[in-house]
Amino acid sequence: MGITSAIILYVVIWFMVMFVTLPIGLRTQGDEGDVVPGTHPGSPANFKLRRTMIIVTLVTTVLFVIIAAVILSGVIRISELGWI
C-alpha cells in the first residue's frame, strides 16, 4: 500500500465514521423546546464539534491500523476477491 492509497483509505474511513457518529446522542432544538427563530426544529441544540472530531479521529485511527495490518499482512488478497 502506497502513501497515497493509505491517505485515501484513512479519509474514507474518517468520513464514514463521522457520518455514523453524528446522530449519536443528538438533542435537537425541538427536543429541548427552544427553537431559535429561522432554524429548523431538527437542528442540533448543543452540538460539540470538537468532541465529535476527537472521537471520530481516535476511532478512525484504530480502524485504519487494523485494516492496514490486514492489507499489508496479505491475509486477504485481490486474487481472492475474484468473485466480485
N, C-alpha and C. Protein backbone atom coordinates (compact mmCIF):
# COMPACT_ATOMS: atom_id res chain seq x y z
N MET A 1 0.86 -1.16 0.00
CA MET A 1 0.00 0.00 0.00
C MET A 1 0.91 1.23 0.00
N GLY A 2 0.67 2.10 -0.96
CA GLY A 2 1.44 3.33 -1.05
C GLY A 2 0.91 4.39 -0.12
N ILE A 3 1.65 5.50 -0.03
CA ILE A 3 1.25 6.57 0.87
C ILE A 3 -0.06 7.23 0.41
N THR A 4 -0.23 7.35 -0.89
CA THR A 4 -1.46 7.97 -1.40
C THR A 4 -2.68 7.10 -1.10
N SER A 5 -2.55 5.81 -1.32
CA SER A 5 -3.69 4.93 -1.04
C SER A 5 -3.97 4.85 0.47
N ALA A 6 -2.93 4.96 1.29
CA ALA A 6 -3.13 4.96 2.74
C ALA A 6 -3.88 6.21 3.19
N ILE A 7 -3.52 7.35 2.61
CA ILE A 7 -4.21 8.61 2.96
C ILE A 7 -5.66 8.56 2.51
N ILE A 8 -5.89 8.07 1.31
CA ILE A 8 -7.27 7.97 0.81
C ILE A 8 -8.09 7.01 1.66
N LEU A 9 -7.50 5.88 2.04
CA LEU A 9 -8.20 4.93 2.91
C LEU A 9 -8.55 5.57 4.24
N TYR A 10 -7.61 6.31 4.83
CA TYR A 10 -7.86 6.97 6.11
C TYR A 10 -9.00 7.99 6.00
N VAL A 11 -8.98 8.79 4.93
CA VAL A 11 -10.02 9.82 4.76
C VAL A 11 -11.39 9.18 4.54
N VAL A 12 -11.45 8.12 3.77
CA VAL A 12 -12.73 7.44 3.53
C VAL A 12 -13.27 6.86 4.84
N ILE A 13 -12.41 6.21 5.60
CA ILE A 13 -12.83 5.66 6.89
C ILE A 13 -13.27 6.79 7.82
N TRP A 14 -12.53 7.90 7.83
CA TRP A 14 -12.85 9.03 8.71
C TRP A 14 -14.25 9.56 8.43
N PHE A 15 -14.58 9.78 7.15
CA PHE A 15 -15.89 10.30 6.81
C PHE A 15 -17.00 9.29 7.12
N MET A 16 -16.74 8.02 6.91
CA MET A 16 -17.75 7.01 7.23
C MET A 16 -18.03 7.00 8.73
N VAL A 17 -16.97 7.05 9.54
CA VAL A 17 -17.15 7.08 11.00
C VAL A 17 -17.83 8.38 11.42
N MET A 18 -17.51 9.48 10.76
CA MET A 18 -18.15 10.76 11.10
C MET A 18 -19.65 10.71 10.87
N PHE A 19 -20.06 10.17 9.72
CA PHE A 19 -21.49 10.11 9.42
C PHE A 19 -22.22 9.13 10.33
N VAL A 20 -21.54 8.12 10.82
CA VAL A 20 -22.16 7.19 11.76
C VAL A 20 -22.25 7.84 13.14
N THR A 21 -21.26 8.63 13.51
CA THR A 21 -21.19 9.22 14.84
C THR A 21 -22.10 10.44 15.02
N LEU A 22 -22.35 11.18 13.97
CA LEU A 22 -23.12 12.43 14.10
C LEU A 22 -24.47 12.28 14.82
N PRO A 23 -25.31 11.31 14.49
CA PRO A 23 -26.61 11.27 15.16
C PRO A 23 -26.59 10.67 16.58
N ILE A 24 -25.47 10.15 17.03
CA ILE A 24 -25.40 9.53 18.36
C ILE A 24 -25.47 10.62 19.43
N GLY A 25 -26.44 10.52 20.29
CA GLY A 25 -26.60 11.47 21.39
C GLY A 25 -27.07 12.85 20.97
N LEU A 26 -27.65 12.95 19.81
CA LEU A 26 -28.08 14.25 19.28
C LEU A 26 -29.35 14.72 19.99
N ARG A 27 -29.32 15.92 20.48
CA ARG A 27 -30.51 16.57 21.06
C ARG A 27 -30.86 17.74 20.15
N THR A 28 -32.04 17.69 19.58
CA THR A 28 -32.46 18.74 18.66
C THR A 28 -33.10 19.90 19.42
N GLN A 29 -33.24 21.02 18.70
CA GLN A 29 -33.91 22.17 19.30
C GLN A 29 -35.36 21.85 19.61
N GLY A 30 -35.97 21.01 18.78
CA GLY A 30 -37.35 20.59 19.04
C GLY A 30 -37.46 19.76 20.30
N ASP A 31 -36.46 18.90 20.54
CA ASP A 31 -36.44 18.08 21.77
C ASP A 31 -36.29 18.96 23.01
N GLU A 32 -35.47 19.99 22.89
CA GLU A 32 -35.21 20.87 24.02
C GLU A 32 -36.34 21.87 24.25
N GLY A 33 -37.19 22.08 23.23
CA GLY A 33 -38.29 23.04 23.35
C GLY A 33 -37.85 24.48 23.19
N ASP A 34 -36.66 24.70 22.64
CA ASP A 34 -36.13 26.05 22.47
C ASP A 34 -35.67 26.22 21.02
N VAL A 35 -36.63 26.45 20.12
CA VAL A 35 -36.33 26.59 18.70
C VAL A 35 -35.98 28.05 18.40
N VAL A 36 -34.77 28.26 17.89
CA VAL A 36 -34.33 29.61 17.52
C VAL A 36 -35.08 30.03 16.26
N PRO A 37 -35.64 31.23 16.23
CA PRO A 37 -36.38 31.68 15.04
C PRO A 37 -35.48 31.63 13.79
N GLY A 38 -36.06 31.08 12.72
CA GLY A 38 -35.33 30.98 11.46
C GLY A 38 -34.59 29.67 11.28
N THR A 39 -34.64 28.79 12.28
CA THR A 39 -33.99 27.49 12.16
C THR A 39 -35.03 26.38 12.19
N HIS A 40 -34.61 25.22 11.73
CA HIS A 40 -35.48 24.05 11.71
C HIS A 40 -35.51 23.42 13.10
N PRO A 41 -36.65 22.89 13.53
CA PRO A 41 -36.71 22.24 14.85
C PRO A 41 -35.78 21.03 14.97
N GLY A 42 -35.35 20.48 13.85
CA GLY A 42 -34.44 19.34 13.89
C GLY A 42 -32.98 19.73 13.98
N SER A 43 -32.69 21.03 14.07
CA SER A 43 -31.31 21.50 14.20
C SER A 43 -30.76 21.11 15.57
N PRO A 44 -29.45 20.81 15.64
CA PRO A 44 -28.87 20.45 16.94
C PRO A 44 -28.98 21.58 17.95
N ALA A 45 -29.27 21.23 19.18
CA ALA A 45 -29.40 22.23 20.23
C ALA A 45 -28.04 22.63 20.78
N ASN A 46 -27.17 21.67 21.02
CA ASN A 46 -25.86 21.95 21.61
C ASN A 46 -24.84 21.00 20.98
N PHE A 47 -24.43 21.30 19.78
CA PHE A 47 -23.51 20.44 19.04
C PHE A 47 -22.08 20.73 19.44
N LYS A 48 -21.36 19.69 19.86
CA LYS A 48 -19.97 19.84 20.29
C LYS A 48 -19.06 19.27 19.21
N LEU A 49 -18.67 20.12 18.28
CA LEU A 49 -17.89 19.69 17.13
C LEU A 49 -16.51 19.18 17.54
N ARG A 50 -15.85 19.87 18.45
CA ARG A 50 -14.50 19.47 18.86
C ARG A 50 -14.49 18.06 19.45
N ARG A 51 -15.42 17.79 20.34
CA ARG A 51 -15.51 16.48 20.97
C ARG A 51 -15.80 15.40 19.94
N THR A 52 -16.70 15.70 19.01
CA THR A 52 -17.06 14.75 17.96
C THR A 52 -15.86 14.45 17.07
N MET A 53 -15.09 15.49 16.70
CA MET A 53 -13.92 15.31 15.83
C MET A 53 -12.85 14.46 16.53
N ILE A 54 -12.65 14.68 17.81
CA ILE A 54 -11.65 13.90 18.55
C ILE A 54 -12.06 12.43 18.61
N ILE A 55 -13.31 12.16 18.92
CA ILE A 55 -13.80 10.78 18.99
C ILE A 55 -13.69 10.11 17.63
N VAL A 56 -14.10 10.81 16.58
CA VAL A 56 -14.05 10.25 15.22
C VAL A 56 -12.60 9.95 14.82
N THR A 57 -11.68 10.84 15.13
CA THR A 57 -10.28 10.64 14.77
C THR A 57 -9.69 9.45 15.53
N LEU A 58 -10.01 9.30 16.79
CA LEU A 58 -9.49 8.17 17.56
C LEU A 58 -10.04 6.83 17.03
N VAL A 59 -11.33 6.78 16.79
CA VAL A 59 -11.94 5.54 16.27
C VAL A 59 -11.39 5.23 14.89
N THR A 60 -11.24 6.26 14.05
CA THR A 60 -10.73 6.05 12.70
C THR A 60 -9.29 5.54 12.72
N THR A 61 -8.48 6.06 13.62
CA THR A 61 -7.09 5.62 13.71
C THR A 61 -7.02 4.14 14.08
N VAL A 62 -7.84 3.72 15.02
CA VAL A 62 -7.85 2.30 15.41
C VAL A 62 -8.31 1.43 14.24
N LEU A 63 -9.39 1.83 13.59
CA LEU A 63 -9.88 1.05 12.44
C LEU A 63 -8.87 1.03 11.30
N PHE A 64 -8.20 2.16 11.05
CA PHE A 64 -7.21 2.22 9.98
C PHE A 64 -6.03 1.29 10.26
N VAL A 65 -5.57 1.26 11.49
CA VAL A 65 -4.45 0.38 11.84
C VAL A 65 -4.84 -1.08 11.61
N ILE A 66 -6.04 -1.46 12.00
CA ILE A 66 -6.49 -2.83 11.82
C ILE A 66 -6.61 -3.16 10.33
N ILE A 67 -7.25 -2.28 9.56
CA ILE A 67 -7.43 -2.55 8.13
C ILE A 67 -6.10 -2.54 7.40
N ALA A 68 -5.21 -1.60 7.73
CA ALA A 68 -3.89 -1.55 7.09
C ALA A 68 -3.08 -2.79 7.42
N ALA A 69 -3.19 -3.29 8.65
CA ALA A 69 -2.46 -4.50 9.03
C ALA A 69 -2.96 -5.70 8.23
N VAL A 70 -4.26 -5.79 8.02
CA VAL A 70 -4.82 -6.89 7.23
C VAL A 70 -4.34 -6.79 5.79
N ILE A 71 -4.35 -5.57 5.24
CA ILE A 71 -3.92 -5.39 3.85
C ILE A 71 -2.44 -5.70 3.69
N LEU A 72 -1.62 -5.18 4.59
CA LEU A 72 -0.17 -5.36 4.47
C LEU A 72 0.29 -6.77 4.80
N SER A 73 -0.46 -7.48 5.64
CA SER A 73 -0.06 -8.84 6.00
C SER A 73 -0.32 -9.83 4.88
N GLY A 74 -1.22 -9.49 3.98
CA GLY A 74 -1.53 -10.39 2.87
C GLY A 74 -2.55 -11.45 3.22
N VAL A 75 -3.25 -11.28 4.34
CA VAL A 75 -4.28 -12.24 4.74
C VAL A 75 -5.37 -12.29 3.67
N ILE A 76 -5.73 -11.14 3.17
CA ILE A 76 -6.73 -11.06 2.09
C ILE A 76 -6.04 -10.43 0.89
N ARG A 77 -6.12 -11.11 -0.24
CA ARG A 77 -5.50 -10.61 -1.47
C ARG A 77 -6.58 -10.32 -2.51
N ILE A 78 -6.22 -9.49 -3.46
CA ILE A 78 -7.14 -9.15 -4.54
C ILE A 78 -7.56 -10.40 -5.32
N SER A 79 -6.64 -11.32 -5.48
CA SER A 79 -6.97 -12.54 -6.25
C SER A 79 -8.04 -13.37 -5.54
N GLU A 80 -8.15 -13.26 -4.23
CA GLU A 80 -9.18 -13.99 -3.50
C GLU A 80 -10.54 -13.33 -3.63
N LEU A 81 -10.57 -12.11 -4.13
CA LEU A 81 -11.83 -11.40 -4.30
C LEU A 81 -12.30 -11.47 -5.74
N GLY A 82 -11.96 -12.52 -6.44
CA GLY A 82 -12.32 -12.67 -7.83
C GLY A 82 -13.80 -12.85 -8.07
N TRP A 83 -14.56 -13.22 -7.05
CA TRP A 83 -15.98 -13.42 -7.20
C TRP A 83 -16.72 -12.09 -7.38
N ILE A 84 -16.05 -10.99 -7.06
CA ILE A 84 -16.68 -9.68 -7.23
C ILE A 84 -16.67 -9.37 -8.70
